[in-house]
Structures are given as C-alpha cells and as structure tokens.
C-alpha cells in the first residue's frame, strides 16, 4: 500500500545537521501527495575562517554522508535528494559523476537528485546559455571548485561572489540585502544567467525578484534541485511564486 501522505513520492533528503534553510524551502515546493524526509549529516558548527577550515568541513561531511543515506533508507523513500550542494561540485564534473554513482549504489539503485546535475538541467531550459555568474556562501577554495565544475561543463564563469560565511550555521544568517548586493556584484550585460549555490542560503524567494528586475534567469540551488527531483521522477506539478523554473518548466 502507498504511504498515507506521500502516496505519489517520498523523497529521502540528505542535509547537514547545521542547515536550517533547505528543509523549509523544500517544504514550500512540495506538491500534494509528495513528502520530504530528512536525514542529517552530523557536523559541528565550527568557525570557518580560512580555506583550511572549509576543507576540514568537507572532510567531516564525507565521513558522515553515507551513514545519512543509510538512515533515510529505513523510511523506504522512492528517490534521494541531496539537500547540500558543495560536495556535488567538488572535484569538477568527474567528481560529481563519481559521487552520484556512489550515492546511487548506497541507496540501492534509487535515483539521486544533486545540485550539480540540477544546475545543468535548469540552465538548459533557457536555451543555449554559455556565460554565467555564481553566488556562494563559501571560502575561496569552495568557489574554485564551483568554478571548475561549471567550466568542465562548458560554461564561461564570468564572476563568482563568495560570501565567506564564518560558520556552517552562519550561512543561514545571511540576509536578503546581502544576497541582493551579491547578485548585483556578479551581474553585467554579458552574464546570461546567475546561479546561487549553497543550500543554507535563503535564496528561493529572492531569486524570482532578481529574475524579474534583471530580465534573465536567476536560479536558487534549492529550487533547481527540488525541481530536478520532481521532473526526473515524472512529477510535472508547477509551483508558483518561486521563479520561472518551477512555474514554466
């Protein structure tokens, strides 16, 4: 028998324990009959003051990632969604492909929606986009990995604005004005689309406002990832108020 509430789909979502944004933003996007079930990657809320600190955070995420998959599998989800994006860009395109294969194997062959794949799929909806700009909460080492991934995928990365958040939970404290200013910092007439990465940045409701004023695609990673999870599992529901991606594609 199907689940009483998630009778169309139960998503098993993997997110860091410090992330307080991705769960509520994914909740805004849930169609009727689709439910999200979170499993947390335990990480400490240690200060992030350097590239070395950020790289140590990534080591800790990798040490806990597969156990988080194991935990959510006990809920018998129909598909897995990565509610974190940094690791999906790490190592460029080759690293992303390797990570997806490992996650799918751990999840017993279930499909896995990741921010890296979602970004590519979302950009393709808007035509032959080649020049992009990116906003991140990361230290420079993380920005470099994001730049490498999109360059590997054939995009020209015109600018990356890294906000250098001081701790994992501090990412969620970045306010709308700061995010607006970051979008303006990377935008110019040559940039065809702007992407935000880092699932703990509260950007899902800012992106459509920026998209309207700038008259170009502005994509929030949480919106793109959840959209991709829906579409790759045959769920075609449209969601209004969170930008053109969920409304039109």
Protein backbone atom coordinates (compact mmCIF):
# COMPACT_ATOMS: atom_id res chain seq x y z
CA UNK A 1 0.00 0.00 0.00
CA UNK A 2 1.24 3.57 -0.66
CA UNK A 3 2.20 5.91 2.15
CA UNK A 4 -0.86 7.72 3.51
CA UNK A 5 0.62 11.19 2.88
CA UNK A 6 3.46 10.59 0.41
CA UNK A 7 1.37 8.42 -1.86
CA UNK A 8 2.92 9.92 -5.01
CA UNK A 9 6.53 10.13 -3.80
CA UNK A 10 8.57 10.03 -0.61
CA UNK A 11 11.84 11.89 -1.07
CA UNK A 12 14.70 10.95 1.22
CA UNK A 13 16.67 14.19 1.66
CA UNK A 14 20.28 14.36 2.86
CA UNK A 15 21.33 17.62 4.55
CA UNK A 16 23.94 18.80 7.06
CA UNK A 17 22.81 18.98 10.68
CA UNK A 18 23.66 22.71 10.68
CA UNK A 19 21.41 23.54 7.73
CA UNK A 20 18.20 25.34 8.71
CA UNK A 21 17.15 26.66 5.28
CA UNK A 22 16.86 23.74 2.88
CA UNK A 23 14.13 21.91 4.81
CA UNK A 24 11.65 24.80 4.96
CA UNK A 25 12.40 25.87 1.38
CA UNK A 26 11.86 22.33 0.09
CA UNK A 27 8.64 22.31 2.10
CA UNK A 28 7.34 25.29 0.12
CA UNK A 29 7.77 23.26 -3.07
CA UNK A 30 6.07 20.01 -2.01
CA UNK A 31 3.17 19.13 -4.32
CA UNK A 32 0.18 17.35 -2.79
CA UNK A 33 1.00 13.70 -2.25
CA UNK A 34 4.77 14.28 -2.15
CA UNK A 35 6.62 14.29 1.17
CA UNK A 36 10.21 15.09 2.20
CA UNK A 37 12.04 13.04 4.84
CA UNK A 38 15.31 14.44 6.12
CA UNK A 39 18.40 12.59 7.26
CA UNK A 40 21.13 14.73 8.76
CA UNK A 41 24.88 14.62 8.19
CA UNK A 42 26.27 15.33 11.64
CA UNK A 43 28.85 18.11 11.54
CA UNK A 44 29.98 20.56 14.24
CA UNK A 45 29.30 24.27 13.91
CA UNK A 46 32.99 25.12 13.96
CA UNK A 47 34.27 28.52 12.80
CA UNK A 48 35.12 28.93 9.11
CA UNK A 49 37.90 31.46 8.85
CA UNK A 50 40.08 30.06 6.10
CA UNK A 51 40.33 27.66 3.18
CA UNK A 52 41.80 25.07 5.55
CA UNK A 53 38.75 25.31 7.82
CA UNK A 54 36.45 24.87 4.84
CA UNK A 55 38.37 21.85 3.57
CA UNK A 56 38.18 20.29 7.04
CA UNK A 57 34.41 20.81 6.98
CA UNK A 58 34.24 18.91 3.70
CA UNK A 59 36.25 16.05 5.19
CA UNK A 60 33.74 15.80 8.03
CA UNK A 61 30.81 15.85 5.63
CA UNK A 62 32.30 12.99 3.61
CA UNK A 63 32.87 10.95 6.77
CA UNK A 64 29.16 11.13 7.64
CA UNK A 65 27.48 11.27 4.23
CA UNK A 66 26.87 7.59 3.53
CA UNK A 67 25.60 6.92 7.06
CA UNK A 68 22.99 9.62 6.47
CA UNK A 69 21.91 7.78 3.32
CA UNK A 70 21.63 4.56 5.31
CA UNK A 71 19.41 6.25 7.90
CA UNK A 72 16.96 7.70 5.41
CA UNK A 73 16.71 4.41 3.54
CA UNK A 74 14.91 2.94 6.57
CA UNK A 75 11.93 5.18 5.62
CA UNK A 76 11.69 3.41 2.22
CA UNK A 77 11.92 6.55 0.08
CA UNK A 78 11.24 6.45 -3.64
CA UNK A 79 14.19 8.69 -4.52
CA UNK A 80 17.06 10.55 -2.87
CA UNK A 81 17.64 14.31 -2.96
CA UNK A 82 20.90 15.93 -1.92
CA UNK A 83 19.98 18.88 0.29
CA UNK A 84 23.58 20.11 0.23
CA UNK A 85 25.45 21.30 -2.81
CA UNK A 86 29.14 21.89 -2.01
CA UNK A 87 30.14 18.22 -2.24
CA UNK A 88 28.25 17.80 -5.53
CA UNK A 89 30.57 20.34 -7.20
CA UNK A 90 33.80 19.14 -5.59
CA UNK A 91 36.31 17.65 -8.00
CA UNK A 92 34.68 19.18 -11.04
CA UNK A 93 32.45 17.25 -13.42
CA UNK A 94 34.36 13.99 -12.87
CA UNK A 95 33.98 14.31 -9.09
CA UNK A 96 30.25 14.95 -9.44
CA UNK A 97 29.75 11.88 -11.64
CA UNK A 98 31.71 9.72 -9.19
CA UNK A 99 29.73 11.00 -6.20
CA UNK A 100 26.40 10.30 -7.89
CA UNK A 101 27.43 6.73 -8.70
CA UNK A 102 28.47 6.11 -5.10
CA UNK A 103 25.25 7.59 -3.71
CA UNK A 104 23.06 5.59 -6.07
CA UNK A 105 24.90 2.39 -5.16
CA UNK A 106 24.49 3.11 -1.43
CA UNK A 107 20.79 3.84 -1.97
CA UNK A 108 20.20 0.51 -3.67
CA UNK A 109 19.84 1.96 -7.14
CA UNK A 110 17.39 4.77 -6.32
CA UNK A 111 17.71 7.93 -8.39
CA UNK A 112 19.67 10.73 -6.74
CA UNK A 113 19.00 14.41 -7.48
CA UNK A 114 22.06 16.61 -6.91
CA UNK A 115 22.63 20.34 -7.17
CA UNK A 116 25.35 19.89 -9.79
CA UNK A 117 23.09 17.96 -12.17
CA UNK A 118 20.12 20.19 -11.35
CA UNK A 119 22.04 23.33 -12.27
CA UNK A 120 22.93 21.97 -15.68
CA UNK A 121 19.40 20.73 -16.36
CA UNK A 122 17.89 24.03 -15.25
CA UNK A 123 20.17 26.15 -17.42
CA UNK A 124 19.26 24.08 -20.48
CA UNK A 125 15.63 25.14 -20.06
CA UNK A 126 16.61 28.69 -21.00
CA UNK A 127 18.33 27.96 -24.31
CA UNK A 128 21.99 27.95 -25.26
CA UNK A 129 23.35 29.74 -22.20
CA UNK A 130 27.15 29.85 -22.04
CA UNK A 131 28.10 32.78 -19.78
CA UNK A 132 27.09 32.53 -16.13
CA UNK A 133 27.85 34.08 -12.77
CA UNK A 134 27.59 32.42 -9.36
CA UNK A 135 26.90 33.49 -5.77
CA UNK A 136 28.14 31.20 -2.97
CA UNK A 137 28.49 31.27 0.83
CA UNK A 138 31.91 29.59 0.56
CA UNK A 139 35.54 30.33 1.19
CA UNK A 140 37.72 30.78 -1.94
CA UNK A 141 38.63 27.08 -2.08
CA UNK A 142 34.92 26.23 -2.42
CA UNK A 143 34.42 28.95 -5.01
CA UNK A 144 37.26 27.43 -7.02
CA UNK A 145 35.57 24.03 -7.03
CA UNK A 146 32.30 25.56 -8.23
CA UNK A 147 34.13 27.43 -10.98
CA UNK A 148 35.92 24.24 -12.05
CA UNK A 149 32.67 22.27 -12.23
CA UNK A 150 30.89 24.75 -14.48
CA UNK A 151 34.00 25.25 -16.63
CA UNK A 152 34.21 21.47 -17.06
CA UNK A 153 30.57 21.56 -18.21
CA UNK A 154 31.39 24.09 -20.93
CA UNK A 155 30.24 27.31 -19.29
CA UNK A 156 32.23 30.51 -19.10
CA UNK A 157 32.11 31.61 -15.47
CA UNK A 158 32.20 35.38 -15.64
CA UNK A 159 32.22 36.01 -11.87
CA UNK A 160 31.94 34.20 -8.54
CA UNK A 161 30.92 36.11 -5.42
CA UNK A 162 31.85 34.10 -2.33
CA UNK A 163 30.36 35.44 0.89
CA UNK A 164 32.88 33.67 3.17
CA UNK A 165 30.35 32.79 5.86
CA UNK A 166 32.02 32.42 9.25
CA UNK A 167 30.37 29.15 10.30
CA UNK A 168 28.03 26.49 8.89
CA UNK A 169 25.01 27.86 10.77
CA UNK A 170 26.10 31.40 9.92
CA UNK A 171 25.27 30.75 6.26
CA UNK A 172 21.59 30.78 7.22
CA UNK A 173 22.00 34.21 8.84
CA UNK A 174 22.86 35.96 5.55
CA UNK A 175 20.10 38.49 4.97
CA UNK A 176 18.25 39.45 1.84
CA UNK A 177 20.10 42.74 1.35
CA UNK A 178 23.44 40.95 1.34
CA UNK A 179 22.17 38.45 -1.21
CA UNK A 180 20.72 41.24 -3.36
CA UNK A 181 24.07 43.03 -3.30
CA UNK A 182 25.88 39.80 -4.21
CA UNK A 183 23.62 39.32 -7.24
CA UNK A 184 24.27 42.88 -8.34
CA UNK A 185 28.01 42.37 -7.85
CA UNK A 186 28.18 39.47 -10.33
CA UNK A 187 25.67 40.81 -12.85
CA UNK A 188 26.57 42.60 -16.05
CA UNK A 189 25.25 42.67 -19.61
CA UNK A 190 27.42 39.73 -20.71
CA UNK A 191 26.12 37.39 -17.98
CA UNK A 192 23.27 35.31 -19.38
CA UNK A 193 22.21 33.63 -16.13
CA UNK A 194 23.01 33.86 -12.43
CA UNK A 195 23.12 30.88 -10.10
CA UNK A 196 23.21 30.72 -6.31
CA UNK A 197 24.72 27.64 -4.68
CA UNK A 198 24.91 26.63 -1.02
CA UNK A 199 21.64 25.15 0.26
CA UNK A 200 21.79 27.00 3.60
CA UNK A 201 21.41 30.41 1.91
CA UNK A 202 17.80 31.62 1.98
CA UNK A 203 17.55 32.49 -1.70
CA UNK A 204 14.42 30.74 -3.02
CA UNK A 205 12.22 33.83 -2.67
CA UNK A 206 14.91 36.32 -3.65
CA UNK A 207 15.70 34.62 -6.95
CA UNK A 208 12.34 35.37 -8.62
CA UNK A 209 12.56 39.04 -7.61
CA UNK A 210 16.04 39.30 -9.10
CA UNK A 211 14.88 37.43 -12.18
CA UNK A 212 12.07 39.93 -12.71
CA UNK A 213 14.22 43.03 -12.35
CA UNK A 214 17.26 41.74 -14.27
CA UNK A 215 15.19 40.07 -17.01
CA UNK A 216 17.38 36.96 -17.06
CA UNK A 217 17.33 33.57 -15.31
CA UNK A 218 18.34 33.74 -11.64
CA UNK A 219 18.39 30.25 -10.16
CA UNK A 220 18.35 29.27 -6.48
CA UNK A 221 20.04 25.94 -5.80
CA UNK A 222 17.22 24.67 -3.59
CA UNK A 223 14.62 25.46 -6.22
CA UNK A 224 16.69 23.92 -9.01
CA UNK A 225 17.42 20.77 -7.01
CA UNK A 226 13.83 20.18 -5.96
CA UNK A 227 12.57 20.93 -9.48
CA UNK A 228 15.06 18.42 -10.85
CA UNK A 229 14.00 15.79 -8.29
CA UNK A 230 10.37 16.24 -9.28
CA UNK A 231 10.94 16.13 -13.02
CA UNK A 232 13.36 13.20 -13.03
CA UNK A 233 10.71 11.21 -11.17
CA UNK A 234 7.88 12.06 -13.56
CA UNK A 235 6.23 14.69 -11.34
CA UNK A 236 5.21 17.63 -13.52
CA UNK A 237 3.49 19.85 -10.94
CA UNK A 238 4.05 23.58 -11.33
CA UNK A 239 4.65 25.75 -8.26
CA UNK A 240 4.00 29.50 -8.35
CA UNK A 241 5.90 32.22 -6.54
CA UNK A 242 9.39 30.70 -6.63
CA UNK A 243 10.54 31.70 -10.08
CA UNK A 244 10.21 30.71 -13.72
CA UNK A 245 11.84 27.30 -13.37
CA UNK A 246 9.07 25.80 -11.22
CA UNK A 247 6.35 27.86 -12.91
CA UNK A 248 7.18 27.24 -16.56
CA UNK A 249 9.31 24.09 -16.94
